[in-house]
């Protein structure tokens, strides 16, 4: 199994209400990939309960069958559509950690 963890910071020019709206759209888009992307075992997006001590607004926690599935996920049309349509336009910082488990 491979874990794919991403942290994003939403664009700083967004107001609080806009950040909440964009975060919800990102969560819905990414979690909607379950069942669409081969090898994607689990996918969860954390947007609620983020403490002020955090320096990220959104966390993606996903599990894939193996490294090949991760590579396929990265270029899968459904994932690319969510990334280009909802995630990238609304975020300014991305941090990624992939590891075998």
Protein backbone atom coordinates (compact mmCIF):
# COMPACT_ATOMS: atom_id res chain seq x y z
CA UNK A 1 0.00 0.00 0.00
CA UNK A 2 1.03 3.58 -0.61
CA UNK A 3 -0.10 6.62 1.36
CA UNK A 4 -0.46 9.90 -0.52
CA UNK A 5 -0.77 12.87 1.86
CA UNK A 6 -1.21 16.42 0.61
CA UNK A 7 -1.49 19.67 2.56
CA UNK A 8 -2.76 22.85 0.91
CA UNK A 9 -2.97 26.47 1.91
CA UNK A 10 -5.92 28.28 0.36
CA UNK A 11 -5.26 31.52 -1.49
CA UNK A 12 -4.64 34.32 1.00
CA UNK A 13 -6.84 36.80 -0.89
CA UNK A 14 -9.95 34.69 -0.22
CA UNK A 15 -12.21 35.81 2.60
CA UNK A 16 -13.32 33.43 5.36
CA UNK A 17 -16.64 32.56 3.69
CA UNK A 18 -14.93 32.04 0.33
CA UNK A 19 -12.30 29.80 1.94
CA UNK A 20 -15.01 27.64 3.49
CA UNK A 21 -16.85 27.40 0.15
CA UNK A 22 -13.68 26.54 -1.79
CA UNK A 23 -12.58 24.00 0.83
CA UNK A 24 -15.96 22.25 0.65
CA UNK A 25 -15.74 22.14 -3.17
CA UNK A 26 -12.23 20.67 -3.00
CA UNK A 27 -13.36 18.06 -0.46
CA UNK A 28 -16.37 17.05 -2.57
CA UNK A 29 -14.31 16.87 -5.76
CA UNK A 30 -11.50 14.81 -4.32
CA UNK A 31 -13.64 12.45 -2.25
CA UNK A 32 -15.79 11.95 -5.35
CA UNK A 33 -12.82 10.20 -6.99
CA UNK A 34 -13.42 7.07 -4.89
CA UNK A 35 -14.60 4.34 -7.23
CA UNK A 36 -13.44 6.23 -10.32
CA UNK A 37 -9.68 5.81 -10.12
CA UNK A 38 -8.25 2.28 -10.34
CA UNK A 39 -6.14 1.38 -7.33
CA UNK A 40 -7.51 4.15 -5.12
CA UNK A 41 -8.43 2.32 -1.91
CA UNK A 42 -9.37 5.21 0.40
CA UNK A 43 -9.57 8.98 0.14
CA UNK A 44 -10.43 11.47 2.88
CA UNK A 45 -10.18 15.25 2.91
CA UNK A 46 -9.95 17.07 6.23
CA UNK A 47 -11.29 20.65 6.31
CA UNK A 48 -13.15 20.78 9.64
CA UNK A 49 -11.69 21.39 13.06
CA UNK A 50 -8.43 22.90 11.79
CA UNK A 51 -6.77 24.67 14.71
CA UNK A 52 -5.24 28.15 14.51
CA UNK A 53 -1.81 26.62 15.15
CA UNK A 54 -1.97 24.98 11.70
CA UNK A 55 -0.23 26.42 8.66
CA UNK A 56 -2.39 24.47 6.19
CA UNK A 57 -6.12 24.64 5.48
CA UNK A 58 -6.81 21.28 3.82
CA UNK A 59 -5.39 17.78 4.15
CA UNK A 60 -5.83 14.94 1.66
CA UNK A 61 -5.19 11.50 3.13
CA UNK A 62 -5.40 8.78 0.50
CA UNK A 63 -4.35 5.16 0.22
CA UNK A 64 -3.51 3.47 -3.05
CA UNK A 65 -2.72 -0.16 -3.80
CA UNK A 66 0.86 0.49 -4.89
CA UNK A 67 3.20 3.00 -6.50
CA UNK A 68 1.90 2.19 -9.99
CA UNK A 69 -1.63 3.05 -8.82
CA UNK A 70 -0.29 6.37 -7.48
CA UNK A 71 1.27 7.15 -10.85
CA UNK A 72 -2.02 6.29 -12.56
CA UNK A 73 -3.96 8.45 -10.10
CA UNK A 74 -1.79 11.45 -10.93
CA UNK A 75 -2.75 11.36 -14.62
CA UNK A 76 -6.26 9.91 -14.39
CA UNK A 77 -8.68 12.25 -16.23
CA UNK A 78 -11.09 12.49 -13.27
CA UNK A 79 -8.24 13.48 -10.92
CA UNK A 80 -6.78 15.95 -13.42
CA UNK A 81 -10.22 17.56 -13.83
CA UNK A 82 -10.59 18.08 -10.06
CA UNK A 83 -7.00 19.28 -9.68
CA UNK A 84 -7.24 21.78 -12.55
CA UNK A 85 -10.85 22.80 -11.96
CA UNK A 86 -11.09 23.16 -8.19
CA UNK A 87 -7.80 22.61 -6.37
CA UNK A 88 -5.13 24.60 -8.24
CA UNK A 89 -7.23 27.74 -8.84
CA UNK A 90 -7.94 28.07 -5.10
CA UNK A 91 -4.66 27.07 -3.44
CA UNK A 92 -1.26 28.72 -3.27
CA UNK A 93 0.89 26.25 -1.35
CA UNK A 94 1.04 22.46 -1.74
CA UNK A 95 3.08 19.98 0.28
CA UNK A 96 3.16 16.27 -0.52
CA UNK A 97 4.37 13.17 1.28
CA UNK A 98 4.10 9.74 -0.39
CA UNK A 99 5.24 6.63 1.43
CA UNK A 100 4.87 2.87 1.44
CA UNK A 101 2.98 1.32 4.32
